[in-house]
C-alpha atoms as a PDB file:
ATOM      1  CA  UNK A   1     -17.399  56.970  24.645  1.00  0.00           C
ATOM      2  CA  UNK A   2     -18.930  55.921  21.313  1.00  0.00           C
ATOM      3  CA  UNK A   3     -15.446  55.449  19.781  1.00  0.00           C
ATOM      4  CA  UNK A   4     -14.437  53.224  22.689  1.00  0.00           C
ATOM      5  CA  UNK A   5     -17.600  51.155  22.312  1.00  0.00           C
ATOM      6  CA  UNK A   6     -17.000  50.677  18.586  1.00  0.00           C
ATOM      7  CA  UNK A   7     -13.383  49.693  19.302  1.00  0.00           C
ATOM      8  CA  UNK A   8     -14.477  47.116  21.900  1.00  0.00           C
ATOM      9  CA  UNK A   9     -17.117  45.657  19.591  1.00  0.00           C
ATOM     10  CA  UNK A  10     -14.770  45.499  16.628  1.00  0.00           C
ATOM     11  CA  UNK A  11     -12.074  43.936  18.810  1.00  0.00           C
ATOM     12  CA  UNK A  12     -14.316  40.920  19.375  1.00  0.00           C
ATOM     13  CA  UNK A  13     -14.932  40.200  15.732  1.00  0.00           C
ATOM     14  CA  UNK A  14     -12.800  39.071  12.867  1.00  0.00           C
ATOM     15  CA  UNK A  15     -12.650  41.331   9.827  1.00  0.00           C
ATOM     16  CA  UNK A  16     -13.962  39.982   6.532  1.00  0.00           C
ATOM     17  CA  UNK A  17     -10.515  39.588   4.935  1.00  0.00           C
ATOM     18  CA  UNK A  18      -9.439  37.520   7.945  1.00  0.00           C
ATOM     19  CA  UNK A  19     -12.537  35.341   7.558  1.00  0.00           C
ATOM     20  CA  UNK A  20     -11.711  34.928   3.857  1.00  0.00           C
ATOM     21  CA  UNK A  21      -8.169  33.867   4.789  1.00  0.00           C
ATOM     22  CA  UNK A  22      -9.601  31.190   7.088  1.00  0.00           C
ATOM     23  CA  UNK A  23     -12.004  30.004   4.377  1.00  0.00           C
ATOM     24  CA  UNK A  24      -9.109  29.796   1.917  1.00  0.00           C
ATOM     25  CA  UNK A  25      -7.298  27.438   4.323  1.00  0.00           C
ATOM     26  CA  UNK A  26     -10.397  25.225   4.431  1.00  0.00           C
ATOM     27  CA  UNK A  27     -10.734  25.282   0.645  1.00  0.00           C
ATOM     28  CA  UNK A  28      -7.055  24.457   0.129  1.00  0.00           C
ATOM     29  CA  UNK A  29      -7.297  21.543   2.555  1.00  0.00           C
ATOM     30  CA  UNK A  30     -10.343  20.036   0.860  1.00  0.00           C
ATOM     31  CA  UNK A  31      -8.818  20.505  -2.624  1.00  0.00           C
ATOM     32  CA  UNK A  32      -5.765  18.504  -1.517  1.00  0.00           C
ATOM     33  CA  UNK A  33      -7.695  15.723   0.218  1.00  0.00           C
ATOM     34  CA  UNK A  34     -10.342  15.283  -2.482  1.00  0.00           C
ATOM     35  CA  UNK A  35      -7.958  15.224  -5.427  1.00  0.00           C
ATOM     36  CA  UNK A  36      -7.732  11.789  -7.051  1.00  0.00           C
ATOM     37  CA  UNK A  37      -7.043  12.700 -10.694  1.00  0.00           C
ATOM     38  CA  UNK A  38      -6.306   9.115 -11.783  1.00  0.00           C
ATOM     39  CA  UNK A  39      -7.814   6.302  -9.725  1.00  0.00           C
ATOM     40  CA  UNK A  40      -5.868   3.709 -11.762  1.00  0.00           C
ATOM     41  CA  UNK A  41      -2.611   4.748 -10.064  1.00  0.00           C
ATOM     42  CA  UNK A  42      -3.945   3.467  -6.739  1.00  0.00           C
ATOM     43  CA  UNK A  43      -4.198  -0.114  -5.624  1.00  0.00           C
ATOM     44  CA  UNK A  44      -6.021  -1.369  -2.562  1.00  0.00           C
ATOM     45  CA  UNK A  45      -3.325  -4.052  -2.214  1.00  0.00           C
ATOM     46  CA  UNK A  46      -0.482  -1.690  -1.332  1.00  0.00           C
ATOM     47  CA  UNK A  47       0.263   1.427   0.692  1.00  0.00           C
ATOM     48  CA  UNK A  48      -0.208   4.515  -1.436  1.00  0.00           C
ATOM     49  CA  UNK A  49       2.980   6.456  -2.141  1.00  0.00           C
ATOM     50  CA  UNK A  50       0.989   9.695  -2.338  1.00  0.00           C
ATOM     51  CA  UNK A  51      -0.255   9.300   1.236  1.00  0.00           C
ATOM     52  CA  UNK A  52       2.974  10.702   2.722  1.00  0.00           C
ATOM     53  CA  UNK A  53       3.049  13.490   0.140  1.00  0.00           C
ATOM     54  CA  UNK A  54      -0.523  14.498   0.998  1.00  0.00           C
ATOM     55  CA  UNK A  55       0.240  14.358   4.729  1.00  0.00           C
ATOM     56  CA  UNK A  56       3.115  16.808   4.210  1.00  0.00           C
ATOM     57  CA  UNK A  57       0.938  19.104   2.079  1.00  0.00           C
ATOM     58  CA  UNK A  58      -1.848  19.359   4.661  1.00  0.00           C
ATOM     59  CA  UNK A  59       0.367  19.568   7.752  1.00  0.00           C
ATOM     60  CA  UNK A  60       0.790  23.381   7.654  1.00  0.00           C
ATOM     61  CA  UNK A  61      -2.994  23.776   7.308  1.00  0.00           C
ATOM     62  CA  UNK A  62      -3.812  21.789  10.468  1.00  0.00           C
ATOM     63  CA  UNK A  63      -3.142  22.231  14.164  1.00  0.00           C
ATOM     64  CA  UNK A  64      -0.786  19.612  15.580  1.00  0.00           C
ATOM     65  CA  UNK A  65      -3.676  17.769  17.199  1.00  0.00           C
ATOM     66  CA  UNK A  66      -5.825  17.764  14.034  1.00  0.00           C
ATOM     67  CA  UNK A  67      -2.831  16.669  11.956  1.00  0.00           C
ATOM     68  CA  UNK A  68      -2.347  13.636  14.247  1.00  0.00           C
ATOM     69  CA  UNK A  69      -6.040  12.788  13.859  1.00  0.00           C
ATOM     70  CA  UNK A  70      -5.829  13.196  10.070  1.00  0.00           C
ATOM     71  CA  UNK A  71      -2.827  10.863   9.814  1.00  0.00           C
ATOM     72  CA  UNK A  72      -4.318   8.297  12.228  1.00  0.00           C
ATOM     73  CA  UNK A  73      -7.643   8.249  10.356  1.00  0.00           C
ATOM     74  CA  UNK A  74      -5.763   7.653   7.085  1.00  0.00           C
ATOM     75  CA  UNK A  75      -8.376   9.929   5.544  1.00  0.00           C
ATOM     76  CA  UNK A  76      -6.686  10.440   2.172  1.00  0.00           C
ATOM     77  CA  UNK A  77      -6.014   6.711   1.838  1.00  0.00           C
ATOM     78  CA  UNK A  78      -9.702   5.999   2.462  1.00  0.00           C
ATOM     79  CA  UNK A  79     -10.732   8.421  -0.295  1.00  0.00           C
ATOM     80  CA  UNK A  80      -8.159   6.955  -2.700  1.00  0.00           C
ATOM     81  CA  UNK A  81      -9.407   3.432  -1.934  1.00  0.00           C
ATOM     82  CA  UNK A  82     -12.981   4.514  -2.668  1.00  0.00           C
ATOM     83  CA  UNK A  83     -11.865   5.996  -5.984  1.00  0.00           C
ATOM     84  CA  UNK A  84      -9.973   2.829  -6.883  1.00  0.00           C
ATOM     85  CA  UNK A  85     -12.813   0.456  -5.939  1.00  0.00           C
ATOM     86  CA  UNK A  86     -15.435   2.536  -7.738  1.00  0.00           C
ATOM     87  CA  UNK A  87     -13.112   3.313 -10.666  1.00  0.00           C
ATOM     88  CA  UNK A  88     -13.723   7.062 -10.529  1.00  0.00           C
ATOM     89  CA  UNK A  89     -11.545  10.141 -10.391  1.00  0.00           C
ATOM     90  CA  UNK A  90     -12.519  12.510  -7.577  1.00  0.00           C
ATOM     91  CA  UNK A  91     -12.228  16.283  -7.299  1.00  0.00           C
ATOM     92  CA  UNK A  92     -13.699  19.098  -5.270  1.00  0.00           C
ATOM     93  CA  UNK A  93     -16.132  20.923  -7.545  1.00  0.00           C
ATOM     94  CA  UNK A  94     -17.218  23.537  -4.997  1.00  0.00           C
ATOM     95  CA  UNK A  95     -17.329  24.301  -1.297  1.00  0.00           C
ATOM     96  CA  UNK A  96     -19.464  26.903   0.486  1.00  0.00           C
ATOM     97  CA  UNK A  97     -18.810  27.932   4.075  1.00  0.00           C
ATOM     98  CA  UNK A  98     -21.376  29.379   6.478  1.00  0.00           C
ATOM     99  CA  UNK A  99     -19.966  30.994   9.602  1.00  0.00           C
ATOM    100  CA  UNK A 100     -21.755  29.731  12.704  1.00  0.00           C
ATOM    101  CA  UNK A 101     -19.509  30.976  15.494  1.00  0.00           C
ATOM    102  CA  UNK A 102     -16.841  33.623  15.825  1.00  0.00           C
ATOM    103  CA  UNK A 103     -14.542  34.502  18.697  1.00  0.00           C
ATOM    104  CA  UNK A 104     -11.125  36.086  18.881  1.00  0.00           C
ATOM    105  CA  UNK A 105      -8.786  33.910  16.790  1.00  0.00           C
ATOM    106  CA  UNK A 106     -11.504  31.249  16.377  1.00  0.00           C
ATOM    107  CA  UNK A 107     -14.015  30.577  13.604  1.00  0.00           C
ATOM    108  CA  UNK A 108     -16.508  27.752  13.300  1.00  0.00           C
ATOM    109  CA  UNK A 109     -18.193  26.921   9.994  1.00  0.00           C
ATOM    110  CA  UNK A 110     -20.747  24.605   8.502  1.00  0.00           C
ATOM    111  CA  UNK A 111     -19.942  23.768   4.911  1.00  0.00           C
ATOM    112  CA  UNK A 112     -21.438  22.108   1.888  1.00  0.00           C
ATOM    113  CA  UNK A 113     -18.928  20.646  -0.508  1.00  0.00           C
ATOM    114  CA  UNK A 114     -19.773  19.331  -3.918  1.00  0.00           C
ATOM    115  CA  UNK A 115     -17.591  16.444  -5.006  1.00  0.00           C
ATOM    116  CA  UNK A 116     -17.212  15.539  -8.659  1.00  0.00           C
ATOM    117  CA  UNK A 117     -16.836  11.890  -9.646  1.00  0.00           C
ATOM    118  CA  UNK A 118     -15.650  11.127 -13.153  1.00  0.00           C
ATOM    119  CA  UNK A 119     -15.987   7.596 -14.500  1.00  0.00           C
ATOM    120  CA  UNK A 120     -13.772   7.296 -17.570  1.00  0.00           C
ATOM    121  CA  UNK A 121     -15.058   3.739 -18.063  1.00  0.00           C
ATOM    122  CA  UNK A 122     -18.639   4.958 -18.413  1.00  0.00           C
ATOM    123  CA  UNK A 123     -17.785   8.385 -19.855  1.00  0.00           C
ATOM    124  CA  UNK A 124     -19.929   9.963 -17.137  1.00  0.00           C
ATOM    125  CA  UNK A 125     -19.492  12.643 -14.496  1.00  0.00           C
ATOM    126  CA  UNK A 126     -21.670  12.943 -11.418  1.00  0.00           C
ATOM    127  CA  UNK A 127     -21.686  15.277  -8.433  1.00  0.00           C
ATOM    128  CA  UNK A 128     -22.642  14.731  -4.812  1.00  0.00           C
ATOM    129  CA  UNK A 129     -23.137  17.265  -2.007  1.00  0.00           C
ATOM    130  CA  UNK A 130     -21.732  16.483   1.411  1.00  0.00           C
ATOM    131  CA  UNK A 131     -22.248  18.543   4.551  1.00  0.00           C
ATOM    132  CA  UNK A 132     -19.540  19.099   7.112  1.00  0.00           C
ATOM    133  CA  UNK A 133     -18.240  21.243   9.942  1.00  0.00           C
ATOM    134  CA  UNK A 134     -14.865  22.919  10.325  1.00  0.00           C
ATOM    135  CA  UNK A 135     -13.284  24.937  13.125  1.00  0.00           C
ATOM    136  CA  UNK A 136     -10.203  27.091  12.618  1.00  0.00           C
ATOM    137  CA  UNK A 137      -7.970  28.803  15.128  1.00  0.00           C
ATOM    138  CA  UNK A 138      -5.313  31.404  14.571  1.00  0.00           C
ATOM    139  CA  UNK A 139      -1.857  30.241  15.645  1.00  0.00           C
ATOM    140  CA  UNK A 140       1.091  32.588  15.309  1.00  0.00           C
ATOM    141  CA  UNK A 141      -0.872  34.760  12.879  1.00  0.00           C
ATOM    142  CA  UNK A 142      -1.982  31.890  10.622  1.00  0.00           C
ATOM    143  CA  UNK A 143      -5.342  30.155  10.401  1.00  0.00           C
ATOM    144  CA  UNK A 144      -5.222  26.411  11.018  1.00  0.00           C
ATOM    145  CA  UNK A 145      -7.935  23.791  11.025  1.00  0.00           C
ATOM    146  CA  UNK A 146      -8.513  22.467  14.537  1.00  0.00           C
ATOM    147  CA  UNK A 147     -11.492  20.260  13.665  1.00  0.00           C
ATOM    148  CA  UNK A 148     -12.928  18.953  10.439  1.00  0.00           C
ATOM    149  CA  UNK A 149     -15.820  16.600  10.086  1.00  0.00           C
ATOM    150  CA  UNK A 150     -17.878  15.457   7.143  1.00  0.00           C
ATOM    151  CA  UNK A 151     -20.055  12.480   6.489  1.00  0.00           C
ATOM    152  CA  UNK A 152     -18.039   9.489   5.267  1.00  0.00           C
ATOM    153  CA  UNK A 153     -18.472   8.348   1.685  1.00  0.00           C
ATOM    154  CA  UNK A 154     -19.112   4.732   0.784  1.00  0.00           C
ATOM    155  CA  UNK A 155     -18.357   2.728  -2.336  1.00  0.00           C
ATOM    156  CA  UNK A 156     -22.051   1.819  -2.589  1.00  0.00           C
ATOM    157  CA  UNK A 157     -23.005   5.504  -2.591  1.00  0.00           C
ATOM    158  CA  UNK A 158     -20.510   6.361  -5.342  1.00  0.00           C
ATOM    159  CA  UNK A 159     -21.487   3.340  -7.444  1.00  0.00           C
ATOM    160  CA  UNK A 160     -25.180   4.283  -7.168  1.00  0.00           C
ATOM    161  CA  UNK A 161     -24.408   7.620  -8.845  1.00  0.00           C
ATOM    162  CA  UNK A 162     -23.508   5.777 -12.053  1.00  0.00           C
ATOM    163  CA  UNK A 163     -26.448   3.357 -12.294  1.00  0.00           C
END
């Protein structure tokens, strides 16, 4: 009876390596989206050639529905425009996930990501913490992001870091 009870309890939870796999998907996604190594290659006057490349890179990490939302929100383009306007390179310095809900083939996290902004003009680097939420579901044995939300950045906020 005890063995059966342990089996039933363990069947409802995700093992730690599975949780780490899901977190890795979230980390990989954020590293792609918040990677503007050279703001000078972007112009707010034209469509960014990297936008399509980024869309293709993140597609396998997102559910179909979340991918459509990502493309429609032009999320990467928005980040690239911020980098260009503020004249900073952007990278993900760190991200920490806190599991808030777990069900079979579903994980929900709060996260705190630290973004690094490098102003080559001012020879300065600054960091900013941003909170967010991410849900992942397991589809065909692979973790995919079904929802991602974080507070939007503004040019004013980035510029204030360098004053």
